Each structure stands twice: as structure tokens, then as C-alpha cells.
N, C-alpha and C. Protein backbone atom coordinates (compact mmCIF):
# COMPACT_ATOMS: atom_id res chain seq x y z
N TYR A 1 -1.64 0.27 6.60
CA TYR A 1 -1.51 1.67 6.28
C TYR A 1 -2.86 2.19 5.81
N ARG A 2 -3.43 3.11 6.53
CA ARG A 2 -4.72 3.67 6.16
C ARG A 2 -4.55 4.71 5.06
N VAL A 3 -5.42 4.65 4.06
CA VAL A 3 -5.41 5.63 2.98
C VAL A 3 -6.12 6.88 3.52
N LEU A 4 -5.36 7.93 3.78
CA LEU A 4 -5.93 9.14 4.38
C LEU A 4 -6.43 10.14 3.35
N GLY A 5 -5.88 10.10 2.17
CA GLY A 5 -6.31 11.02 1.12
C GLY A 5 -5.90 10.48 -0.23
N VAL A 6 -6.70 10.81 -1.23
CA VAL A 6 -6.41 10.40 -2.60
C VAL A 6 -6.51 11.64 -3.48
N GLN A 7 -5.42 11.99 -4.13
CA GLN A 7 -5.38 13.18 -4.98
C GLN A 7 -5.89 12.86 -6.38
N PRO A 8 -6.61 13.79 -7.00
CA PRO A 8 -7.09 13.58 -8.37
C PRO A 8 -5.92 13.31 -9.33
N ALA A 9 -6.14 12.43 -10.26
CA ALA A 9 -5.16 12.07 -11.31
C ALA A 9 -3.92 11.37 -10.78
N SER A 10 -3.92 10.96 -9.53
CA SER A 10 -2.77 10.27 -8.94
C SER A 10 -2.86 8.77 -9.23
N PRO A 11 -1.75 8.05 -9.03
CA PRO A 11 -1.82 6.59 -9.16
C PRO A 11 -2.87 5.97 -8.23
N ALA A 12 -3.01 6.50 -7.02
CA ALA A 12 -4.01 5.97 -6.09
C ALA A 12 -5.42 6.20 -6.61
N SER A 13 -5.65 7.36 -7.19
CA SER A 13 -6.97 7.68 -7.76
C SER A 13 -7.28 6.76 -8.94
N LYS A 14 -6.31 6.59 -9.82
CA LYS A 14 -6.51 5.73 -10.98
C LYS A 14 -6.78 4.28 -10.58
N ALA A 15 -6.25 3.86 -9.43
CA ALA A 15 -6.45 2.49 -8.96
C ALA A 15 -7.76 2.33 -8.18
N GLY A 16 -8.43 3.45 -7.90
CA GLY A 16 -9.71 3.37 -7.22
C GLY A 16 -9.65 3.29 -5.70
N LEU A 17 -8.53 3.73 -5.10
CA LEU A 17 -8.45 3.72 -3.64
C LEU A 17 -9.42 4.74 -3.05
N VAL A 18 -9.96 4.43 -1.87
CA VAL A 18 -10.97 5.25 -1.23
C VAL A 18 -10.41 5.82 0.08
N SER A 19 -10.40 7.15 0.19
CA SER A 19 -9.91 7.81 1.39
C SER A 19 -10.66 7.35 2.63
N PHE A 20 -9.92 7.14 3.72
CA PHE A 20 -10.42 6.79 5.05
C PHE A 20 -11.03 5.39 5.16
N LEU A 21 -11.48 4.80 4.07
CA LEU A 21 -12.10 3.48 4.15
C LEU A 21 -11.17 2.35 3.74
N ASP A 22 -10.16 2.65 2.94
CA ASP A 22 -9.23 1.63 2.46
C ASP A 22 -7.96 1.59 3.31
N PHE A 23 -7.45 0.38 3.48
CA PHE A 23 -6.18 0.14 4.16
C PHE A 23 -5.30 -0.71 3.26
N LEU A 24 -4.04 -0.32 3.08
CA LEU A 24 -3.07 -1.15 2.36
C LEU A 24 -2.51 -2.14 3.37
N VAL A 25 -2.78 -3.43 3.16
CA VAL A 25 -2.35 -4.43 4.13
C VAL A 25 -1.30 -5.40 3.59
N GLY A 26 -1.14 -5.43 2.28
CA GLY A 26 -0.14 -6.31 1.69
C GLY A 26 0.37 -5.75 0.38
N ALA A 27 1.55 -6.17 -0.01
CA ALA A 27 2.14 -5.73 -1.27
C ALA A 27 2.97 -6.85 -1.87
N ASN A 28 2.72 -7.13 -3.15
CA ASN A 28 3.47 -8.17 -3.87
C ASN A 28 3.52 -9.49 -3.10
N GLY A 29 2.37 -9.87 -2.53
CA GLY A 29 2.26 -11.17 -1.88
C GLY A 29 2.76 -11.23 -0.45
N GLN A 30 3.18 -10.10 0.13
CA GLN A 30 3.66 -10.08 1.52
C GLN A 30 2.78 -9.14 2.33
N MET A 31 2.52 -9.50 3.57
CA MET A 31 1.79 -8.61 4.46
C MET A 31 2.70 -7.46 4.85
N LEU A 32 2.14 -6.25 4.90
CA LEU A 32 2.96 -5.09 5.23
C LEU A 32 3.37 -5.06 6.69
N LEU A 33 2.49 -5.54 7.57
CA LEU A 33 2.83 -5.65 8.99
C LEU A 33 2.79 -7.11 9.37
N ALA A 34 3.87 -7.59 9.91
CA ALA A 34 3.99 -9.01 10.23
C ALA A 34 3.05 -9.41 11.35
N SER A 35 2.72 -10.68 11.40
CA SER A 35 1.79 -11.20 12.39
C SER A 35 2.45 -11.42 13.75
N GLY A 36 3.74 -11.53 13.77
CA GLY A 36 4.44 -11.81 15.02
C GLY A 36 4.64 -13.29 15.29
N GLU A 37 4.13 -14.14 14.40
CA GLU A 37 4.31 -15.58 14.57
C GLU A 37 5.79 -15.93 14.43
N ASN A 38 6.23 -16.84 15.26
CA ASN A 38 7.61 -17.34 15.23
C ASN A 38 8.64 -16.26 15.51
N VAL A 39 8.24 -15.18 16.17
CA VAL A 39 9.19 -14.13 16.55
C VAL A 39 9.50 -14.30 18.03
N GLU A 40 10.77 -14.45 18.33
CA GLU A 40 11.21 -14.63 19.71
C GLU A 40 11.25 -13.27 20.42
N HIS A 41 11.14 -13.31 21.73
CA HIS A 41 11.21 -12.08 22.53
C HIS A 41 12.50 -11.32 22.20
N GLY A 42 12.37 -10.04 21.90
CA GLY A 42 13.54 -9.22 21.58
C GLY A 42 13.86 -9.13 20.10
N GLU A 43 13.27 -10.02 19.28
CA GLU A 43 13.50 -9.97 17.84
C GLU A 43 12.57 -8.95 17.20
N GLU A 44 12.98 -8.45 16.05
CA GLU A 44 12.14 -7.50 15.32
C GLU A 44 11.17 -8.24 14.41
N TYR A 45 10.01 -7.64 14.20
CA TYR A 45 9.04 -8.18 13.26
C TYR A 45 9.56 -7.96 11.84
N PRO A 46 9.38 -8.91 10.95
CA PRO A 46 9.88 -8.78 9.57
C PRO A 46 8.91 -7.98 8.69
N ASP A 47 8.65 -6.71 9.06
CA ASP A 47 7.73 -5.88 8.29
C ASP A 47 8.34 -5.46 6.96
N VAL A 48 7.47 -5.22 5.98
CA VAL A 48 7.89 -4.70 4.68
C VAL A 48 8.11 -3.19 4.84
N ASP A 49 9.20 -2.69 4.33
CA ASP A 49 9.50 -1.26 4.34
C ASP A 49 8.77 -0.63 3.15
N LEU A 50 7.55 -0.12 3.39
CA LEU A 50 6.72 0.38 2.29
C LEU A 50 7.37 1.52 1.52
N PRO A 51 7.93 2.54 2.16
CA PRO A 51 8.58 3.60 1.38
C PRO A 51 9.70 3.07 0.47
N ALA A 52 10.50 2.14 0.97
CA ALA A 52 11.56 1.55 0.16
C ALA A 52 10.99 0.73 -0.99
N LEU A 53 9.93 -0.03 -0.72
CA LEU A 53 9.28 -0.82 -1.76
C LEU A 53 8.77 0.08 -2.89
N LEU A 54 8.14 1.19 -2.53
CA LEU A 54 7.63 2.11 -3.54
C LEU A 54 8.77 2.72 -4.35
N GLU A 55 9.82 3.14 -3.67
CA GLU A 55 10.97 3.75 -4.35
C GLU A 55 11.63 2.75 -5.30
N GLU A 56 11.77 1.51 -4.86
CA GLU A 56 12.40 0.46 -5.69
C GLU A 56 11.54 0.10 -6.91
N ASN A 57 10.25 0.37 -6.84
CA ASN A 57 9.33 -0.02 -7.91
C ASN A 57 8.76 1.16 -8.68
N LYS A 58 9.45 2.30 -8.66
CA LYS A 58 8.99 3.45 -9.44
C LYS A 58 8.83 3.04 -10.89
N GLY A 59 7.65 3.32 -11.44
CA GLY A 59 7.39 3.00 -12.84
C GLY A 59 7.01 1.55 -13.11
N LYS A 60 6.97 0.73 -12.04
CA LYS A 60 6.61 -0.68 -12.19
C LYS A 60 5.37 -0.97 -11.35
N PRO A 61 4.45 -1.78 -11.85
CA PRO A 61 3.25 -2.07 -11.07
C PRO A 61 3.55 -2.88 -9.80
N VAL A 62 2.85 -2.52 -8.74
CA VAL A 62 2.92 -3.23 -7.47
C VAL A 62 1.50 -3.70 -7.16
N GLU A 63 1.36 -4.96 -6.80
CA GLU A 63 0.04 -5.49 -6.47
C GLU A 63 -0.19 -5.34 -4.96
N PHE A 64 -1.20 -4.56 -4.60
CA PHE A 64 -1.54 -4.32 -3.19
C PHE A 64 -2.78 -5.10 -2.81
N LEU A 65 -2.75 -5.63 -1.60
CA LEU A 65 -3.94 -6.18 -0.98
C LEU A 65 -4.55 -5.04 -0.18
N VAL A 66 -5.80 -4.70 -0.51
CA VAL A 66 -6.50 -3.56 0.10
C VAL A 66 -7.70 -4.08 0.87
N TRP A 67 -7.86 -3.60 2.10
CA TRP A 67 -9.02 -3.93 2.93
C TRP A 67 -9.88 -2.69 3.03
N ASN A 68 -11.18 -2.84 2.75
CA ASN A 68 -12.12 -1.73 2.86
C ASN A 68 -12.98 -1.97 4.09
N MET A 69 -12.95 -1.02 5.03
CA MET A 69 -13.65 -1.24 6.29
C MET A 69 -15.17 -1.06 6.18
N LYS A 70 -15.65 -0.36 5.16
CA LYS A 70 -17.09 -0.22 4.98
C LYS A 70 -17.71 -1.51 4.45
N SER A 71 -17.10 -2.05 3.39
CA SER A 71 -17.64 -3.28 2.79
C SER A 71 -17.17 -4.54 3.51
N GLN A 72 -16.13 -4.38 4.36
CA GLN A 72 -15.53 -5.52 5.07
C GLN A 72 -15.02 -6.56 4.08
N GLN A 73 -14.47 -6.07 2.96
CA GLN A 73 -13.94 -6.96 1.94
C GLN A 73 -12.53 -6.54 1.56
N GLN A 74 -11.80 -7.51 1.04
CA GLN A 74 -10.46 -7.24 0.53
C GLN A 74 -10.46 -7.37 -0.98
N ARG A 75 -9.52 -6.68 -1.60
CA ARG A 75 -9.38 -6.76 -3.05
C ARG A 75 -7.92 -6.54 -3.41
N LEU A 76 -7.54 -7.03 -4.59
CA LEU A 76 -6.20 -6.79 -5.11
C LEU A 76 -6.25 -5.61 -6.07
N VAL A 77 -5.28 -4.71 -5.91
CA VAL A 77 -5.23 -3.49 -6.70
C VAL A 77 -3.81 -3.33 -7.25
N GLN A 78 -3.71 -3.01 -8.53
CA GLN A 78 -2.40 -2.72 -9.13
C GLN A 78 -2.15 -1.21 -9.06
N LEU A 79 -1.04 -0.82 -8.47
CA LEU A 79 -0.64 0.58 -8.38
C LEU A 79 0.77 0.70 -8.91
N THR A 80 1.03 1.75 -9.67
CA THR A 80 2.37 1.99 -10.19
C THR A 80 2.92 3.25 -9.55
N PRO A 81 3.87 3.12 -8.61
CA PRO A 81 4.47 4.31 -7.99
C PRO A 81 5.08 5.21 -9.06
N ASP A 82 4.80 6.50 -8.96
CA ASP A 82 5.23 7.44 -10.00
C ASP A 82 5.45 8.81 -9.38
N ASP A 83 6.59 9.41 -9.65
CA ASP A 83 6.86 10.76 -9.13
C ASP A 83 6.67 11.84 -10.19
N THR A 84 6.06 11.47 -11.32
CA THR A 84 5.84 12.44 -12.40
C THR A 84 4.36 12.72 -12.64
N TRP A 85 3.48 12.28 -11.75
CA TRP A 85 2.04 12.42 -11.97
C TRP A 85 1.54 13.85 -11.72
N GLY A 86 2.37 14.71 -11.11
CA GLY A 86 1.99 16.12 -10.93
C GLY A 86 1.64 16.52 -9.53
N GLY A 87 1.80 15.62 -8.56
CA GLY A 87 1.50 15.93 -7.17
C GLY A 87 2.54 15.35 -6.25
N ALA A 88 2.24 15.40 -4.95
CA ALA A 88 3.18 14.93 -3.94
C ALA A 88 3.11 13.42 -3.76
N GLY A 89 4.24 12.82 -3.48
CA GLY A 89 4.32 11.40 -3.19
C GLY A 89 4.32 10.54 -4.43
N LEU A 90 4.55 9.26 -4.22
CA LEU A 90 4.61 8.30 -5.32
C LEU A 90 3.27 7.69 -5.64
N LEU A 91 2.32 7.79 -4.71
CA LEU A 91 0.99 7.22 -4.93
C LEU A 91 -0.11 8.27 -5.00
N GLY A 92 0.08 9.39 -4.26
CA GLY A 92 -0.90 10.48 -4.28
C GLY A 92 -2.12 10.17 -3.50
């Protein structure tokens, strides 16, 4: 999931996410998009449902694996989904 925008004072802003350069690739130790390994023809990939994960963890920290395409590095970031920060969405 590419970070397309980061709103001021949002959970994403507080966590230091960078618009257009950061990608959310994992959450709580699971990859957000499955690799396809061990998936038979016709089976669905076991992807993480990110909107559901955020909703289930409102007010609780979620550890994200973030890939930055400029630095070509990954980092772990703690984000707390919140619908009371004053803007749209749980991460902003």
C-alpha cells in the first residue's frame, strides 16, 4: 500500500510516514500482500485485510513494516489507528 498523502497531526504524520516514498508492506508480523507461495491454482491469496485490521485495532498500536523507495530501506513503525485525530481516515 503506497502512502499517497500524510495529513498534519495525523497518526501517520506522528509516525513519520513520507508521502509517495513510503509503502506499507507488513503489519503485526504479517505481509499485507501474500507471496503466492503454496497457493494452488484457483485458490485465493491469504492477504491481510488492512481496513479490517485498522478498524479492529482502533486505539491500539499496530507495528507496520514500511519500505521507503528513495532510501531502499525498510523500517518498523508503530501507528495507532484513531478516528478522533481531527481528519479523515484512521491513519491520515
